[in-house]
Amino acid sequence: MLLKRKPKNKFMLFTSGLFVVVGLVVIVFLGVAMGKETYRKYQIQKEIDSLKQEAEEVENKNQELNQLIEYFQTDVYKKLALRKKLGFQEEGEKVVIIKPFPENYINEISNGESGNNGEFSNIKKWLEYFFRK
């Protein structure tokens, strides 16, 4: 006698415990892989943003340097450099040299030595105010 088998349900494979475990493992594996890829993408985007910001800073610095180069090539700068470094002057200008007060003069004022019994003239008071140590 031959036993007749009952036809199996087509969906029985999907409800077996082994299929559920294998399915969960595959889902976890895909989730971890997706998480790693998302994190990697985030890190790359962060680095791209950082490099873009650095490129903007370099570009701004470059523009500032170009403006300085243009300024250094102007006649205004050349005249100013000649005046400061070489002491040149334009026609009609007069040079005034102001000599500093001697050290002992300022010391006399700060020590209170004067011929007016302690009274200082207005100029001496101002000198003391600005030059006392």
C-alpha atoms as a PDB file:
ATOM      1  CA  MET A   1       0.000   0.000   0.000  1.00  0.00           C
ATOM      2  CA  LEU A   2       1.179   3.223  -0.987  1.00  0.00           C
ATOM      3  CA  LEU A   3       0.594   6.201   1.137  1.00  0.00           C
ATOM      4  CA  LYS A   4      -0.675   9.132  -0.606  1.00  0.00           C
ATOM      5  CA  ARG A   5       0.772  12.372   0.376  1.00  0.00           C
ATOM      6  CA  LYS A   6      -1.285  15.371   0.861  1.00  0.00           C
ATOM      7  CA  PRO A   7      -0.333  18.221  -1.415  1.00  0.00           C
ATOM      8  CA  LYS A   8       1.626  20.773   0.600  1.00  0.00           C
ATOM      9  CA  ASN A   9       0.473  24.296   0.875  1.00  0.00           C
ATOM     10  CA  LYS A  10       2.508  26.577  -1.372  1.00  0.00           C
ATOM     11  CA  PHE A  11       2.863  29.179   1.354  1.00  0.00           C
ATOM     12  CA  MET A  12       4.004  26.749   3.984  1.00  0.00           C
ATOM     13  CA  LEU A  13       7.652  27.490   3.157  1.00  0.00           C
ATOM     14  CA  PHE A  14       7.177  31.145   4.108  1.00  0.00           C
ATOM     15  CA  THR A  15       5.767  30.269   7.512  1.00  0.00           C
ATOM     16  CA  SER A  16       8.487  27.829   8.536  1.00  0.00           C
ATOM     17  CA  GLY A  17      10.773  28.827  11.402  1.00  0.00           C
ATOM     18  CA  LEU A  18      13.927  28.425   9.335  1.00  0.00           C
ATOM     19  CA  PHE A  19      12.688  30.871   6.719  1.00  0.00           C
ATOM     20  CA  VAL A  20      11.789  33.437   9.383  1.00  0.00           C
ATOM     21  CA  VAL A  21      15.247  33.176  11.003  1.00  0.00           C
ATOM     22  CA  VAL A  22      17.045  33.421   7.644  1.00  0.00           C
ATOM     23  CA  GLY A  23      14.826  36.350   6.675  1.00  0.00           C
ATOM     24  CA  LEU A  24      15.591  38.187   9.926  1.00  0.00           C
ATOM     25  CA  VAL A  25      19.327  37.611   9.459  1.00  0.00           C
ATOM     26  CA  VAL A  26      19.145  38.996   5.925  1.00  0.00           C
ATOM     27  CA  ILE A  27      17.140  42.029   7.098  1.00  0.00           C
ATOM     28  CA  VAL A  28      19.605  42.725   9.921  1.00  0.00           C
ATOM     29  CA  PHE A  29      22.547  42.339   7.528  1.00  0.00           C
ATOM     30  CA  LEU A  30      20.973  44.729   5.022  1.00  0.00           C
ATOM     31  CA  GLY A  31      20.112  47.201   7.793  1.00  0.00           C
ATOM     32  CA  VAL A  32      23.684  47.222   9.098  1.00  0.00           C
ATOM     33  CA  ALA A  33      25.066  47.613   5.580  1.00  0.00           C
ATOM     34  CA  MET A  34      22.666  50.478   4.897  1.00  0.00           C
ATOM     35  CA  GLY A  35      23.591  52.148   8.189  1.00  0.00           C
ATOM     36  CA  LYS A  36      27.297  51.927   7.412  1.00  0.00           C
ATOM     37  CA  GLU A  37      26.754  53.324   3.943  1.00  0.00           C
ATOM     38  CA  THR A  38      24.627  56.182   5.277  1.00  0.00           C
ATOM     39  CA  TYR A  39      27.296  57.055   7.856  1.00  0.00           C
ATOM     40  CA  ARG A  40      30.000  56.933   5.189  1.00  0.00           C
ATOM     41  CA  LYS A  41      27.928  59.214   2.976  1.00  0.00           C
ATOM     42  CA  TYR A  42      27.483  61.623   5.913  1.00  0.00           C
ATOM     43  CA  GLN A  43      31.242  61.699   6.570  1.00  0.00           C
ATOM     44  CA  ILE A  44      31.995  62.352   2.898  1.00  0.00           C
ATOM     45  CA  GLN A  45      29.430  65.159   2.756  1.00  0.00           C
ATOM     46  CA  LYS A  46      30.906  66.679   5.906  1.00  0.00           C
ATOM     47  CA  GLU A  47      34.377  66.620   4.349  1.00  0.00           C
ATOM     48  CA  ILE A  48      33.043  68.141   1.116  1.00  0.00           C
ATOM     49  CA  ASP A  49      31.422  70.994   3.057  1.00  0.00           C
ATOM     50  CA  SER A  50      34.648  71.583   4.976  1.00  0.00           C
ATOM     51  CA  LEU A  51      36.674  71.695   1.759  1.00  0.00           C
ATOM     52  CA  LYS A  52      34.164  74.079   0.146  1.00  0.00           C
ATOM     53  CA  GLN A  53      34.443  76.435   3.121  1.00  0.00           C
ATOM     54  CA  GLU A  54      38.232  76.253   2.988  1.00  0.00           C
ATOM     55  CA  ALA A  55      38.131  76.979  -0.759  1.00  0.00           C
ATOM     56  CA  GLU A  56      35.963  80.055  -0.109  1.00  0.00           C
ATOM     57  CA  GLU A  57      38.402  81.288   2.546  1.00  0.00           C
ATOM     58  CA  VAL A  58      41.339  80.812   0.173  1.00  0.00           C
ATOM     59  CA  GLU A  59      39.430  82.631  -2.571  1.00  0.00           C
ATOM     60  CA  ASN A  60      38.677  85.571  -0.234  1.00  0.00           C
ATOM     61  CA  LYS A  61      42.317  85.712   0.834  1.00  0.00           C
ATOM     62  CA  ASN A  62      43.344  85.640  -2.816  1.00  0.00           C
ATOM     63  CA  GLN A  63      41.016  88.547  -3.616  1.00  0.00           C
ATOM     64  CA  GLU A  64      42.433  90.556  -0.709  1.00  0.00           C
ATOM     65  CA  LEU A  65      45.969  89.907  -1.923  1.00  0.00           C
ATOM     66  CA  ASN A  66      45.024  90.931  -5.467  1.00  0.00           C
ATOM     67  CA  GLN A  67      43.561  94.172  -4.120  1.00  0.00           C
ATOM     68  CA  LEU A  68      46.775  94.807  -2.175  1.00  0.00           C
ATOM     69  CA  ILE A  69      48.833  94.184  -5.296  1.00  0.00           C
ATOM     70  CA  GLU A  70      46.681  96.642  -7.232  1.00  0.00           C
ATOM     71  CA  TYR A  71      47.066  99.211  -4.424  1.00  0.00           C
ATOM     72  CA  PHE A  72      50.843  98.767  -4.328  1.00  0.00           C
ATOM     73  CA  GLN A  73      50.965  99.512  -8.052  1.00  0.00           C
ATOM     74  CA  THR A  74      49.089 102.827  -7.752  1.00  0.00           C
ATOM     75  CA  ASP A  75      50.789 106.219  -7.807  1.00  0.00           C
ATOM     76  CA  VAL A  76      49.298 107.084  -4.424  1.00  0.00           C
ATOM     77  CA  TYR A  77      51.141 104.216  -2.751  1.00  0.00           C
ATOM     78  CA  LYS A  78      54.369 104.951  -4.619  1.00  0.00           C
ATOM     79  CA  LYS A  79      54.316 108.578  -3.461  1.00  0.00           C
ATOM     80  CA  LEU A  80      53.544 107.534   0.113  1.00  0.00           C
ATOM     81  CA  ALA A  81      56.372 104.977   0.100  1.00  0.00           C
ATOM     82  CA  LEU A  82      58.821 107.556  -1.242  1.00  0.00           C
ATOM     83  CA  ARG A  83      57.821 109.997   1.477  1.00  0.00           C
ATOM     84  CA  LYS A  84      58.096 107.515   4.331  1.00  0.00           C
ATOM     85  CA  LYS A  85      61.136 105.520   3.290  1.00  0.00           C
ATOM     86  CA  LEU A  86      63.263 108.071   1.494  1.00  0.00           C
ATOM     87  CA  GLY A  87      62.010 111.347   2.968  1.00  0.00           C
ATOM     88  CA  PHE A  88      60.814 112.793  -0.348  1.00  0.00           C
ATOM     89  CA  GLN A  89      58.493 115.781  -0.360  1.00  0.00           C
ATOM     90  CA  GLU A  90      56.309 117.406  -2.970  1.00  0.00           C
ATOM     91  CA  GLU A  91      56.787 120.902  -4.298  1.00  0.00           C
ATOM     92  CA  GLY A  92      55.631 123.581  -1.895  1.00  0.00           C
ATOM     93  CA  GLU A  93      55.734 121.306   1.142  1.00  0.00           C
ATOM     94  CA  LYS A  94      57.744 122.314   4.165  1.00  0.00           C
ATOM     95  CA  VAL A  95      59.273 119.829   6.550  1.00  0.00           C
ATOM     96  CA  VAL A  96      58.978 120.511  10.256  1.00  0.00           C
ATOM     97  CA  ILE A  97      61.194 118.630  12.677  1.00  0.00           C
ATOM     98  CA  ILE A  98      60.043 118.571  16.284  1.00  0.00           C
ATOM     99  CA  LYS A  99      62.804 117.856  18.744  1.00  0.00           C
ATOM    100  CA  PRO A 100      61.850 116.012  21.899  1.00  0.00           C
ATOM    101  CA  PHE A 101      62.290 117.707  25.249  1.00  0.00           C
ATOM    102  CA  PRO A 102      65.483 116.824  27.059  1.00  0.00           C
ATOM    103  CA  GLU A 103      65.066 114.122  29.667  1.00  0.00           C
ATOM    104  CA  ASN A 104      66.218 116.367  32.503  1.00  0.00           C
ATOM    105  CA  TYR A 105      63.558 118.988  31.637  1.00  0.00           C
ATOM    106  CA  ILE A 106      60.764 116.470  32.040  1.00  0.00           C
ATOM    107  CA  ASN A 107      62.371 115.196  35.264  1.00  0.00           C
ATOM    108  CA  GLU A 108      62.524 118.735  36.643  1.00  0.00           C
ATOM    109  CA  ILE A 109      58.831 119.191  35.988  1.00  0.00           C
ATOM    110  CA  SER A 110      57.905 115.839  37.501  1.00  0.00           C
ATOM    111  CA  ASN A 111      60.049 116.556  40.609  1.00  0.00           C
ATOM    112  CA  GLY A 112      58.331 119.890  41.114  1.00  0.00           C
ATOM    113  CA  GLU A 113      61.409 122.052  40.573  1.00  0.00           C
ATOM    114  CA  SER A 114      60.312 125.459  39.396  1.00  0.00           C
ATOM    115  CA  GLY A 115      61.128 129.036  40.174  1.00  0.00           C
ATOM    116  CA  ASN A 116      57.534 129.928  41.086  1.00  0.00           C
ATOM    117  CA  ASN A 117      57.379 128.329  44.535  1.00  0.00           C
ATOM    118  CA  GLY A 118      55.557 125.207  43.337  1.00  0.00           C
ATOM    119  CA  GLU A 119      53.349 127.025  40.820  1.00  0.00           C
ATOM    120  CA  PHE A 120      53.719 125.695  37.311  1.00  0.00           C
ATOM    121  CA  SER A 121      52.949 127.556  34.153  1.00  0.00           C
ATOM    122  CA  ASN A 122      50.199 126.183  31.985  1.00  0.00           C
ATOM    123  CA  ILE A 123      52.645 124.711  29.468  1.00  0.00           C
ATOM    124  CA  LYS A 124      54.567 122.947  32.217  1.00  0.00           C
ATOM    125  CA  LYS A 125      51.356 121.487  33.590  1.00  0.00           C
ATOM    126  CA  TRP A 126      50.469 120.118  30.171  1.00  0.00           C
ATOM    127  CA  LEU A 127      53.958 118.706  29.677  1.00  0.00           C
ATOM    128  CA  GLU A 128      53.765 117.030  33.043  1.00  0.00           C
ATOM    129  CA  TYR A 129      50.342 115.628  32.232  1.00  0.00           C
ATOM    130  CA  PHE A 130      51.464 114.108  28.928  1.00  0.00           C
ATOM    131  CA  PHE A 131      55.082 113.155  29.594  1.00  0.00           C
ATOM    132  CA  ARG A 132      55.310 112.108  33.243  1.00  0.00           C
ATOM    133  CA  LYS A 133      56.396 108.573  33.806  1.00  0.00           C
END
